[in-house]
All heavy atoms as atom14 arrays in JSON, in Angstrom:
{
  "sequence": "LLISSMGSTVFNETIKIGPFDSAQIDMSSMNAGVYTVIIKFDGKELKY",
  "atom14_mask": [
    [1, 1, 1, 1, 1, 1, 1, 1, 0, 0, 0, 0, 0, 0],
    [1, 1, 1, 1, 1, 1, 1, 1, 0, 0, 0, 0, 0, 0],
    [1, 1, 1, 1, 1, 1, 1, 1, 0, 0, 0, 0, 0, 0],
    [1, 1, 1, 1, 1, 1, 0, 0, 0, 0, 0, 0, 0, 0],
    [1, 1, 1, 1, 1, 1, 0, 0, 0, 0, 0, 0, 0, 0],
    [1, 1, 1, 1, 1, 1, 1, 1, 0, 0, 0, 0, 0, 0],
    [1, 1, 1, 1, 0, 0, 0, 0, 0, 0, 0, 0, 0, 0],
    [1, 1, 1, 1, 1, 1, 0, 0, 0, 0, 0, 0, 0, 0],
    [1, 1, 1, 1, 1, 1, 1, 0, 0, 0, 0, 0, 0, 0],
    [1, 1, 1, 1, 1, 1, 1, 0, 0, 0, 0, 0, 0, 0],
    [1, 1, 1, 1, 1, 1, 1, 1, 1, 1, 1, 0, 0, 0],
    [1, 1, 1, 1, 1, 1, 1, 1, 0, 0, 0, 0, 0, 0],
    [1, 1, 1, 1, 1, 1, 1, 1, 1, 0, 0, 0, 0, 0],
    [1, 1, 1, 1, 1, 1, 1, 0, 0, 0, 0, 0, 0, 0],
    [1, 1, 1, 1, 1, 1, 1, 1, 0, 0, 0, 0, 0, 0],
    [1, 1, 1, 1, 1, 1, 1, 1, 1, 0, 0, 0, 0, 0],
    [1, 1, 1, 1, 1, 1, 1, 1, 0, 0, 0, 0, 0, 0],
    [1, 1, 1, 1, 0, 0, 0, 0, 0, 0, 0, 0, 0, 0],
    [1, 1, 1, 1, 1, 1, 1, 0, 0, 0, 0, 0, 0, 0],
    [1, 1, 1, 1, 1, 1, 1, 1, 1, 1, 1, 0, 0, 0],
    [1, 1, 1, 1, 1, 1, 1, 1, 0, 0, 0, 0, 0, 0],
    [1, 1, 1, 1, 1, 1, 0, 0, 0, 0, 0, 0, 0, 0],
    [1, 1, 1, 1, 1, 0, 0, 0, 0, 0, 0, 0, 0, 0],
    [1, 1, 1, 1, 1, 1, 1, 1, 1, 0, 0, 0, 0, 0],
    [1, 1, 1, 1, 1, 1, 1, 1, 0, 0, 0, 0, 0, 0],
    [1, 1, 1, 1, 1, 1, 1, 1, 0, 0, 0, 0, 0, 0],
    [1, 1, 1, 1, 1, 1, 1, 1, 0, 0, 0, 0, 0, 0],
    [1, 1, 1, 1, 1, 1, 0, 0, 0, 0, 0, 0, 0, 0],
    [1, 1, 1, 1, 1, 1, 0, 0, 0, 0, 0, 0, 0, 0],
    [1, 1, 1, 1, 1, 1, 1, 1, 0, 0, 0, 0, 0, 0],
    [1, 1, 1, 1, 1, 1, 1, 1, 0, 0, 0, 0, 0, 0],
    [1, 1, 1, 1, 1, 0, 0, 0, 0, 0, 0, 0, 0, 0],
    [1, 1, 1, 1, 0, 0, 0, 0, 0, 0, 0, 0, 0, 0],
    [1, 1, 1, 1, 1, 1, 1, 0, 0, 0, 0, 0, 0, 0],
    [1, 1, 1, 1, 1, 1, 1, 1, 1, 1, 1, 1, 0, 0],
    [1, 1, 1, 1, 1, 1, 1, 0, 0, 0, 0, 0, 0, 0],
    [1, 1, 1, 1, 1, 1, 1, 0, 0, 0, 0, 0, 0, 0],
    [1, 1, 1, 1, 1, 1, 1, 1, 0, 0, 0, 0, 0, 0],
    [1, 1, 1, 1, 1, 1, 1, 1, 0, 0, 0, 0, 0, 0],
    [1, 1, 1, 1, 1, 1, 1, 1, 1, 0, 0, 0, 0, 0],
    [1, 1, 1, 1, 1, 1, 1, 1, 1, 1, 1, 0, 0, 0],
    [1, 1, 1, 1, 1, 1, 1, 1, 0, 0, 0, 0, 0, 0],
    [1, 1, 1, 1, 0, 0, 0, 0, 0, 0, 0, 0, 0, 0],
    [1, 1, 1, 1, 1, 1, 1, 1, 1, 0, 0, 0, 0, 0],
    [1, 1, 1, 1, 1, 1, 1, 1, 1, 0, 0, 0, 0, 0],
    [1, 1, 1, 1, 1, 1, 1, 1, 0, 0, 0, 0, 0, 0],
    [1, 1, 1, 1, 1, 1, 1, 1, 1, 0, 0, 0, 0, 0],
    [1, 1, 1, 1, 1, 1, 1, 1, 1, 1, 1, 1, 0, 0]
  ],
  "atom14_positions": [
    [[0.85, -1.18, 0.0], [0.0, 0.0, 0.0], [0.89, 1.23, 0.0], [1.92, 1.26, 0.67], [-0.89, 0.05, 1.25], [-1.93, -1.04, 1.4], [-1.39, -2.15, 2.27], [-3.19, -0.48, 1.98], [0.0, 0.0, 0.0], [0.0, 0.0, 0.0], [0.0, 0.0, 0.0], [0.0, 0.0, 0.0], [0.0, 0.0, 0.0], [0.0, 0.0, 0.0]],
    [[0.47, 2.24, -0.76], [1.1, 3.57, -0.71], [0.04, 4.52, -0.19], [-1.06, 4.62, -0.76], [1.55, 4.02, -2.09], [2.77, 3.35, -2.69], [3.03, 3.9, -4.09], [3.98, 3.57, -1.83], [0.0, 0.0, 0.0], [0.0, 0.0, 0.0], [0.0, 0.0, 0.0], [0.0, 0.0, 0.0], [0.0, 0.0, 0.0], [0.0, 0.0, 0.0]],
    [[0.39, 5.21, 0.89], [-0.53, 6.15, 1.51], [0.06, 7.55, 1.38], [1.22, 7.78, 1.76], [-0.75, 5.82, 3.01], [-1.04, 4.33, 3.22], [-1.82, 6.72, 3.61], [-2.32, 3.83, 2.64], [0.0, 0.0, 0.0], [0.0, 0.0, 0.0], [0.0, 0.0, 0.0], [0.0, 0.0, 0.0], [0.0, 0.0, 0.0], [0.0, 0.0, 0.0]],
    [[-0.71, 8.49, 0.84], [-0.23, 9.86, 0.69], [-0.18, 10.54, 2.05], [-0.76, 10.05, 3.03], [-1.14, 10.64, -0.26], [-2.37, 10.93, 0.39], [0.0, 0.0, 0.0], [0.0, 0.0, 0.0], [0.0, 0.0, 0.0], [0.0, 0.0, 0.0], [0.0, 0.0, 0.0], [0.0, 0.0, 0.0], [0.0, 0.0, 0.0], [0.0, 0.0, 0.0]],
    [[0.46, 11.7, 2.09], [0.54, 12.45, 3.35], [-0.83, 12.95, 3.8], [-1.02, 13.27, 4.97], [1.52, 13.63, 3.21], [1.08, 14.49, 2.18], [0.0, 0.0, 0.0], [0.0, 0.0, 0.0], [0.0, 0.0, 0.0], [0.0, 0.0, 0.0], [0.0, 0.0, 0.0], [0.0, 0.0, 0.0], [0.0, 0.0, 0.0], [0.0, 0.0, 0.0]],
    [[-1.79, 12.97, 2.88], [-3.16, 13.37, 3.22], [-4.0, 12.18, 3.72], [-5.16, 12.34, 4.05], [-3.84, 14.01, 2.0], [-3.11, 15.23, 1.48], [-2.97, 16.55, 2.69], [-4.61, 17.2, 2.63], [0.0, 0.0, 0.0], [0.0, 0.0, 0.0], [0.0, 0.0, 0.0], [0.0, 0.0, 0.0], [0.0, 0.0, 0.0], [0.0, 0.0, 0.0]],
    [[-3.4, 10.98, 3.7], [-4.09, 9.8, 4.2], [-4.82, 8.98, 3.14], [-5.48, 8.0, 3.47], [0.0, 0.0, 0.0], [0.0, 0.0, 0.0], [0.0, 0.0, 0.0], [0.0, 0.0, 0.0], [0.0, 0.0, 0.0], [0.0, 0.0, 0.0], [0.0, 0.0, 0.0], [0.0, 0.0, 0.0], [0.0, 0.0, 0.0], [0.0, 0.0, 0.0]],
    [[-4.7, 9.36, 1.88], [-5.36, 8.62, 0.81], [-4.51, 7.43, 0.38], [-3.3, 7.55, 0.23], [-5.57, 9.52, -0.41], [-6.37, 10.62, -0.09], [0.0, 0.0, 0.0], [0.0, 0.0, 0.0], [0.0, 0.0, 0.0], [0.0, 0.0, 0.0], [0.0, 0.0, 0.0], [0.0, 0.0, 0.0], [0.0, 0.0, 0.0], [0.0, 0.0, 0.0]],
    [[-5.17, 6.29, 0.14], [-4.48, 5.13, -0.42], [-4.4, 5.32, -1.92], [-5.42, 5.36, -2.6], [-5.23, 3.83, -0.07], [-5.31, 3.71, 1.35], [-4.53, 2.62, -0.65], [0.0, 0.0, 0.0], [0.0, 0.0, 0.0], [0.0, 0.0, 0.0], [0.0, 0.0, 0.0], [0.0, 0.0, 0.0], [0.0, 0.0, 0.0], [0.0, 0.0, 0.0]],
    [[-3.16, 5.45, -2.44], [-2.98, 5.7, -3.87], [-2.52, 4.44, -4.61], [-2.48, 4.42, -5.84], [-1.99, 6.86, -4.12], [-2.58, 8.16, -3.58], [-0.63, 6.58, -3.5], [0.0, 0.0, 0.0], [0.0, 0.0, 0.0], [0.0, 0.0, 0.0], [0.0, 0.0, 0.0], [0.0, 0.0, 0.0], [0.0, 0.0, 0.0], [0.0, 0.0, 0.0]],
    [[-2.18, 3.39, -3.86], [-1.77, 2.11, -4.46], [-2.09, 1.02, -3.44], [-1.76, 1.15, -2.26], [-0.27, 2.13, -4.77], [0.24, 0.89, -5.44], [0.22, 0.76, -6.83], [0.74, -0.17, -4.69], [0.69, -0.38, -7.45], [1.21, -1.32, -5.3], [1.19, -1.43, -6.68], [0.0, 0.0, 0.0], [0.0, 0.0, 0.0], [0.0, 0.0, 0.0]],
    [[-2.73, -0.05, -3.9], [-3.04, -1.18, -3.02], [-3.14, -2.43, -3.89], [-4.16, -2.67, -4.52], [-4.35, -0.94, -2.26], [-4.67, -2.06, -1.29], [-3.96, -3.06, -1.18], [-5.77, -1.9, -0.58], [0.0, 0.0, 0.0], [0.0, 0.0, 0.0], [0.0, 0.0, 0.0], [0.0, 0.0, 0.0], [0.0, 0.0, 0.0], [0.0, 0.0, 0.0]],
    [[-2.04, -3.2, -3.94], [-2.02, -4.41, -4.75], [-1.2, -5.49, -4.05], [-0.3, -5.19, -3.27], [-1.39, -4.15, -6.13], [-2.24, -3.32, -7.05], [-1.64, -3.2, -8.44], [-0.83, -4.07, -8.83], [-1.98, -2.23, -9.14], [0.0, 0.0, 0.0], [0.0, 0.0, 0.0], [0.0, 0.0, 0.0], [0.0, 0.0, 0.0], [0.0, 0.0, 0.0]],
    [[-1.49, -6.73, -4.39], [-0.66, -7.85, -3.97], [0.28, -8.16, -5.11], [-0.17, -8.39, -6.24], [-1.51, -9.09, -3.6], [-2.37, -8.73, -2.52], [-0.62, -10.25, -3.2], [0.0, 0.0, 0.0], [0.0, 0.0, 0.0], [0.0, 0.0, 0.0], [0.0, 0.0, 0.0], [0.0, 0.0, 0.0], [0.0, 0.0, 0.0], [0.0, 0.0, 0.0]],
    [[1.57, -8.13, -4.84], [2.58, -8.32, -5.88], [3.64, -9.31, -5.42], [3.84, -9.51, -4.22], [3.24, -6.99, -6.29], [3.76, -6.23, -5.07], [2.28, -6.11, -7.05], [4.42, -4.91, -5.4], [0.0, 0.0, 0.0], [0.0, 0.0, 0.0], [0.0, 0.0, 0.0], [0.0, 0.0, 0.0], [0.0, 0.0, 0.0], [0.0, 0.0, 0.0]],
    [[4.29, -9.93, -6.37], [5.38, -10.86, -6.08], [6.68, -10.07, -5.97], [6.99, -9.26, -6.83], [5.5, -11.91, -7.17], [6.56, -12.97, -6.88], [6.54, -14.1, -7.87], [5.38, -15.03, -7.69], [5.23, -15.67, -6.41], [0.0, 0.0, 0.0], [0.0, 0.0, 0.0], [0.0, 0.0, 0.0], [0.0, 0.0, 0.0], [0.0, 0.0, 0.0]],
    [[7.4, -10.31, -4.87], [8.67, -9.64, -4.61], [9.72, -10.71, -4.37], [9.45, -11.71, -3.72], [8.58, -8.73, -3.37], [7.46, -7.7, -3.52], [9.91, -8.02, -3.12], [7.23, -6.86, -2.3], [0.0, 0.0, 0.0], [0.0, 0.0, 0.0], [0.0, 0.0, 0.0], [0.0, 0.0, 0.0], [0.0, 0.0, 0.0], [0.0, 0.0, 0.0]],
    [[10.92, -10.49, -4.89], [12.0, -11.45, -4.68], [13.35, -10.77, -4.64], [13.47, -9.57, -4.87], [0.0, 0.0, 0.0], [0.0, 0.0, 0.0], [0.0, 0.0, 0.0], [0.0, 0.0, 0.0], [0.0, 0.0, 0.0], [0.0, 0.0, 0.0], [0.0, 0.0, 0.0], [0.0, 0.0, 0.0], [0.0, 0.0, 0.0], [0.0, 0.0, 0.0]],
    [[14.38, -11.55, -4.37], [15.72, -10.98, -4.28], [16.29, -10.55, -5.63], [17.02, -9.56, -5.7], [16.55, -12.09, -3.65], [15.8, -13.35, -3.92], [14.36, -12.97, -4.01], [0.0, 0.0, 0.0], [0.0, 0.0, 0.0], [0.0, 0.0, 0.0], [0.0, 0.0, 0.0], [0.0, 0.0, 0.0], [0.0, 0.0, 0.0], [0.0, 0.0, 0.0]],
    [[15.97, -11.26, -6.69], [16.54, -10.94, -7.99], [15.56, -10.22, -8.9], [15.95, -9.56, -9.85], [17.07, -12.2, -8.68], [18.25, -12.78, -7.97], [18.12, -13.91, -7.18], [19.5, -12.19, -8.08], [19.21, -14.43, -6.51], [20.6, -12.71, -7.43], [20.46, -13.84, -6.63], [0.0, 0.0, 0.0], [0.0, 0.0, 0.0], [0.0, 0.0, 0.0]],
    [[14.29, -10.37, -8.63], [13.26, -9.72, -9.43], [12.48, -8.78, -8.52], [11.45, -9.15, -7.97], [12.33, -10.75, -10.07], [13.09, -11.67, -11.01], [13.85, -11.15, -11.84], [12.92, -12.9, -10.9], [0.0, 0.0, 0.0], [0.0, 0.0, 0.0], [0.0, 0.0, 0.0], [0.0, 0.0, 0.0], [0.0, 0.0, 0.0], [0.0, 0.0, 0.0]],
    [[13.01, -7.58, -8.35], [12.35, -6.62, -7.48], [11.02, -6.22, -8.07], [10.84, -6.19, -9.29], [13.24, -5.4, -7.25], [13.48, -4.74, -8.47], [0.0, 0.0, 0.0], [0.0, 0.0, 0.0], [0.0, 0.0, 0.0], [0.0, 0.0, 0.0], [0.0, 0.0, 0.0], [0.0, 0.0, 0.0], [0.0, 0.0, 0.0], [0.0, 0.0, 0.0]],
    [[10.08, -5.92, -7.2], [8.79, -5.39, -7.65], [8.99, -3.92, -7.97], [9.77, -3.23, -7.3], [7.75, -5.58, -6.56], [0.0, 0.0, 0.0], [0.0, 0.0, 0.0], [0.0, 0.0, 0.0], [0.0, 0.0, 0.0], [0.0, 0.0, 0.0], [0.0, 0.0, 0.0], [0.0, 0.0, 0.0], [0.0, 0.0, 0.0], [0.0, 0.0, 0.0]],
    [[8.31, -3.44, -8.97], [8.43, -2.04, -9.37], [7.05, -1.39, -9.37], [6.1, -1.96, -9.91], [9.06, -1.93, -10.75], [10.48, -2.46, -10.77], [11.14, -2.28, -12.12], [10.48, -2.28, -13.14], [12.45, -2.1, -12.1], [0.0, 0.0, 0.0], [0.0, 0.0, 0.0], [0.0, 0.0, 0.0], [0.0, 0.0, 0.0], [0.0, 0.0, 0.0]],
    [[6.98, -0.23, -8.74], [5.73, 0.52, -8.68], [5.94, 1.84, -9.43], [6.86, 2.6, -9.13], [5.33, 0.79, -7.21], [5.09, -0.54, -6.49], [4.08, 1.67, -7.16], [4.89, -0.41, -5.01], [0.0, 0.0, 0.0], [0.0, 0.0, 0.0], [0.0, 0.0, 0.0], [0.0, 0.0, 0.0], [0.0, 0.0, 0.0], [0.0, 0.0, 0.0]],
    [[5.09, 2.08, -10.42], [5.18, 3.3, -11.22], [4.56, 4.45, -10.43], [3.36, 4.48, -10.19], [4.45, 3.1, -12.54], [4.51, 4.32, -13.44], [5.22, 5.3, -13.1], [3.84, 4.3, -14.48], [0.0, 0.0, 0.0], [0.0, 0.0, 0.0], [0.0, 0.0, 0.0], [0.0, 0.0, 0.0], [0.0, 0.0, 0.0], [0.0, 0.0, 0.0]],
    [[5.41, 5.38, -10.01], [4.95, 6.55, -9.26], [5.03, 7.82, -10.1], [4.85, 8.92, -9.58], [5.76, 6.71, -7.98], [5.56, 5.59, -6.97], [6.41, 5.91, -5.42], [5.47, 7.28, -4.77], [0.0, 0.0, 0.0], [0.0, 0.0, 0.0], [0.0, 0.0, 0.0], [0.0, 0.0, 0.0], [0.0, 0.0, 0.0], [0.0, 0.0, 0.0]],
    [[5.3, 7.67, -11.39], [5.54, 8.84, -12.25], [4.35, 9.8, -12.3], [4.54, 11.01, -12.42], [5.92, 8.4, -13.66], [4.88, 7.65, -14.24], [0.0, 0.0, 0.0], [0.0, 0.0, 0.0], [0.0, 0.0, 0.0], [0.0, 0.0, 0.0], [0.0, 0.0, 0.0], [0.0, 0.0, 0.0], [0.0, 0.0, 0.0], [0.0, 0.0, 0.0]],
    [[3.14, 9.31, -12.18], [1.96, 10.18, -12.26], [1.5, 10.68, -10.89], [0.57, 11.47, -10.8], [0.81, 9.44, -12.94], [0.41, 8.35, -12.15], [0.0, 0.0, 0.0], [0.0, 0.0, 0.0], [0.0, 0.0, 0.0], [0.0, 0.0, 0.0], [0.0, 0.0, 0.0], [0.0, 0.0, 0.0], [0.0, 0.0, 0.0], [0.0, 0.0, 0.0]],
    [[2.17, 10.24, -9.82], [1.77, 10.66, -8.47], [2.39, 12.01, -8.14], [3.46, 12.36, -8.62], [2.19, 9.6, -7.45], [1.48, 8.29, -7.63], [2.01, 7.07, -6.42], [1.31, 5.59, -7.12], [0.0, 0.0, 0.0], [0.0, 0.0, 0.0], [0.0, 0.0, 0.0], [0.0, 0.0, 0.0], [0.0, 0.0, 0.0], [0.0, 0.0, 0.0]],
    [[1.7, 12.76, -7.29], [2.17, 14.07, -6.87], [3.43, 13.95, -6.01], [3.62, 12.96, -5.31], [1.09, 14.79, -6.07], [-0.12, 15.14, -6.91], [0.0, 15.38, -8.1], [-1.28, 15.17, -6.29], [0.0, 0.0, 0.0], [0.0, 0.0, 0.0], [0.0, 0.0, 0.0], [0.0, 0.0, 0.0], [0.0, 0.0, 0.0], [0.0, 0.0, 0.0]],
    [[4.24, 14.99, -6.06], [5.41, 15.06, -5.19], [4.95, 15.14, -3.74], [3.89, 15.69, -3.45], [6.27, 16.26, -5.55], [0.0, 0.0, 0.0], [0.0, 0.0, 0.0], [0.0, 0.0, 0.0], [0.0, 0.0, 0.0], [0.0, 0.0, 0.0], [0.0, 0.0, 0.0], [0.0, 0.0, 0.0], [0.0, 0.0, 0.0], [0.0, 0.0, 0.0]],
    [[5.74, 14.56, -2.85], [5.41, 14.61, -1.42], [5.92, 13.39, -0.71], [6.66, 12.57, -1.25], [0.0, 0.0, 0.0], [0.0, 0.0, 0.0], [0.0, 0.0, 0.0], [0.0, 0.0, 0.0], [0.0, 0.0, 0.0], [0.0, 0.0, 0.0], [0.0, 0.0, 0.0], [0.0, 0.0, 0.0], [0.0, 0.0, 0.0], [0.0, 0.0, 0.0]],
    [[5.51, 13.26, 0.55], [5.91, 12.14, 1.4], [4.81, 11.09, 1.37], [3.63, 11.41, 1.51], [6.19, 12.61, 2.84], [6.53, 11.43, 3.73], [7.33, 13.64, 2.85], [0.0, 0.0, 0.0], [0.0, 0.0, 0.0], [0.0, 0.0, 0.0], [0.0, 0.0, 0.0], [0.0, 0.0, 0.0], [0.0, 0.0, 0.0], [0.0, 0.0, 0.0]],
    [[5.21, 9.84, 1.2], [4.28, 8.71, 1.19], [4.73, 7.68, 2.22], [5.93, 7.54, 2.48], [4.26, 8.04, -0.19], [3.63, 8.89, -1.27], [4.35, 9.89, -1.91], [2.31, 8.68, -1.66], [3.78, 10.68, -2.9], [1.73, 9.45, -2.65], [2.47, 10.45, -3.26], [1.9, 11.21, -4.24], [0.0, 0.0, 0.0], [0.0, 0.0, 0.0]],
    [[3.77, 6.96, 2.77], [4.06, 5.82, 3.62], [3.86, 4.57, 2.79], [2.82, 4.41, 2.15], [3.13, 5.78, 4.85], [3.32, 6.98, 5.6], [3.45, 4.59, 5.74], [0.0, 0.0, 0.0], [0.0, 0.0, 0.0], [0.0, 0.0, 0.0], [0.0, 0.0, 0.0], [0.0, 0.0, 0.0], [0.0, 0.0, 0.0], [0.0, 0.0, 0.0]],
    [[4.88, 3.71, 2.78], [4.8, 2.42, 2.09], [4.56, 1.37, 3.15], [5.34, 1.25, 4.1], [6.1, 2.1, 1.33], [5.97, 0.79, 0.58], [6.47, 3.23, 0.39], [0.0, 0.0, 0.0], [0.0, 0.0, 0.0], [0.0, 0.0, 0.0], [0.0, 0.0, 0.0], [0.0, 0.0, 0.0], [0.0, 0.0, 0.0], [0.0, 0.0, 0.0]],
    [[3.48, 0.63, 3.02], [3.17, -0.47, 3.95], [3.27, -1.76, 3.17], [2.63, -1.92, 2.14], [1.76, -0.31, 4.57], [1.65, 1.04, 5.31], [1.45, -1.48, 5.49], [0.26, 1.38, 5.77], [0.0, 0.0, 0.0], [0.0, 0.0, 0.0], [0.0, 0.0, 0.0], [0.0, 0.0, 0.0], [0.0, 0.0, 0.0], [0.0, 0.0, 0.0]],
    [[4.1, -2.68, 3.67], [4.31, -3.96, 3.01], [3.94, -5.06, 3.98], [4.5, -5.14, 5.08], [5.77, -4.11, 2.54], [6.14, -2.94, 1.62], [5.98, -5.44, 1.83], [7.51, -2.43, 1.83], [0.0, 0.0, 0.0], [0.0, 0.0, 0.0], [0.0, 0.0, 0.0], [0.0, 0.0, 0.0], [0.0, 0.0, 0.0], [0.0, 0.0, 0.0]],
    [[2.99, -5.91, 3.58], [2.53, -7.01, 4.42], [2.9, -8.32, 3.75], [2.47, -8.58, 2.63], [1.02, -6.94, 4.61], [0.54, -5.67, 5.28], [-0.97, -5.62, 5.36], [-1.46, -4.32, 5.96], [-2.92, -4.28, 6.07], [0.0, 0.0, 0.0], [0.0, 0.0, 0.0], [0.0, 0.0, 0.0], [0.0, 0.0, 0.0], [0.0, 0.0, 0.0]],
    [[3.75, -9.13, 4.43], [4.1, -10.46, 3.92], [4.64, -11.3, 5.06], [5.14, -10.79, 6.06], [5.12, -10.37, 2.78], [6.52, -10.0, 3.2], [7.53, -10.95, 3.25], [6.84, -8.7, 3.56], [8.81, -10.61, 3.64], [8.11, -8.35, 3.93], [9.1, -9.31, 3.97], [0.0, 0.0, 0.0], [0.0, 0.0, 0.0], [0.0, 0.0, 0.0]],
    [[4.5, -12.61, 4.93], [4.96, -13.57, 5.95], [4.47, -13.21, 7.35], [5.19, -13.34, 8.33], [6.5, -13.67, 5.95], [7.04, -14.43, 4.76], [6.25, -15.1, 4.07], [8.25, -14.36, 4.53], [0.0, 0.0, 0.0], [0.0, 0.0, 0.0], [0.0, 0.0, 0.0], [0.0, 0.0, 0.0], [0.0, 0.0, 0.0], [0.0, 0.0, 0.0]],
    [[3.24, -12.72, 7.46], [2.67, -12.37, 8.76], [3.25, -11.11, 9.38], [3.03, -10.84, 10.56], [0.0, 0.0, 0.0], [0.0, 0.0, 0.0], [0.0, 0.0, 0.0], [0.0, 0.0, 0.0], [0.0, 0.0, 0.0], [0.0, 0.0, 0.0], [0.0, 0.0, 0.0], [0.0, 0.0, 0.0], [0.0, 0.0, 0.0], [0.0, 0.0, 0.0]],
    [[3.99, -10.33, 8.62], [4.6, -9.1, 9.12], [4.01, -7.9, 8.4], [3.52, -8.02, 7.28], [6.11, -9.12, 8.89], [6.81, -10.27, 9.52], [8.24, -10.33, 9.05], [8.82, -11.67, 9.47], [9.91, -12.08, 8.66], [0.0, 0.0, 0.0], [0.0, 0.0, 0.0], [0.0, 0.0, 0.0], [0.0, 0.0, 0.0], [0.0, 0.0, 0.0]],
    [[4.11, -6.75, 9.04], [3.74, -5.49, 8.41], [4.88, -4.52, 8.61], [5.24, -4.19, 9.75], [2.45, -4.94, 9.02], [2.02, -3.63, 8.38], [0.7, -3.13, 8.89], [-0.33, -3.8, 8.65], [0.69, -2.07, 9.53], [0.0, 0.0, 0.0], [0.0, 0.0, 0.0], [0.0, 0.0, 0.0], [0.0, 0.0, 0.0], [0.0, 0.0, 0.0]],
    [[5.47, -4.07, 7.52], [6.6, -3.15, 7.58], [6.18, -1.81, 6.99], [5.45, -1.77, 6.0], [7.79, -3.72, 6.8], [8.24, -5.11, 7.23], [9.26, -5.66, 6.24], [8.83, -5.07, 8.62], [0.0, 0.0, 0.0], [0.0, 0.0, 0.0], [0.0, 0.0, 0.0], [0.0, 0.0, 0.0], [0.0, 0.0, 0.0], [0.0, 0.0, 0.0]],
    [[6.65, -0.71, 7.6], [6.3, 0.63, 7.13], [7.56, 1.42, 6.86], [8.52, 1.37, 7.64], [5.46, 1.37, 8.18], [4.09, 0.78, 8.38], [3.3, 1.61, 9.38], [1.93, 0.98, 9.59], [1.1, 1.78, 10.5], [0.0, 0.0, 0.0], [0.0, 0.0, 0.0], [0.0, 0.0, 0.0], [0.0, 0.0, 0.0], [0.0, 0.0, 0.0]],
    [[7.54, 2.14, 5.76], [8.66, 3.0, 5.35], [8.09, 4.33, 4.86], [7.02, 4.35, 4.24], [9.46, 2.36, 4.21], [10.06, 1.04, 4.56], [9.36, -0.15, 4.38], [11.35, 0.97, 5.1], [9.92, -1.36, 4.72], [11.91, -0.25, 5.43], [11.18, -1.41, 5.24], [11.74, -2.61, 5.57], [0.0, 0.0, 0.0], [0.0, 0.0, 0.0]]
  ]
}
C-alpha cells in the first residue's frame, strides 16, 4: 500500500517480490510529497 501524506491510499495491490526480481511501482503520475509504504508479507507489516 502507498498512503499519501493526506491519508489517501494511492496504491493497493498484492505483488510478487524477490531478491533478484524486485517489484516495481510506477509513481511517475503521483504528486510530489511524502508517502508511507506499507508492506505485508509472511505475517509481518513493515512501514517506510
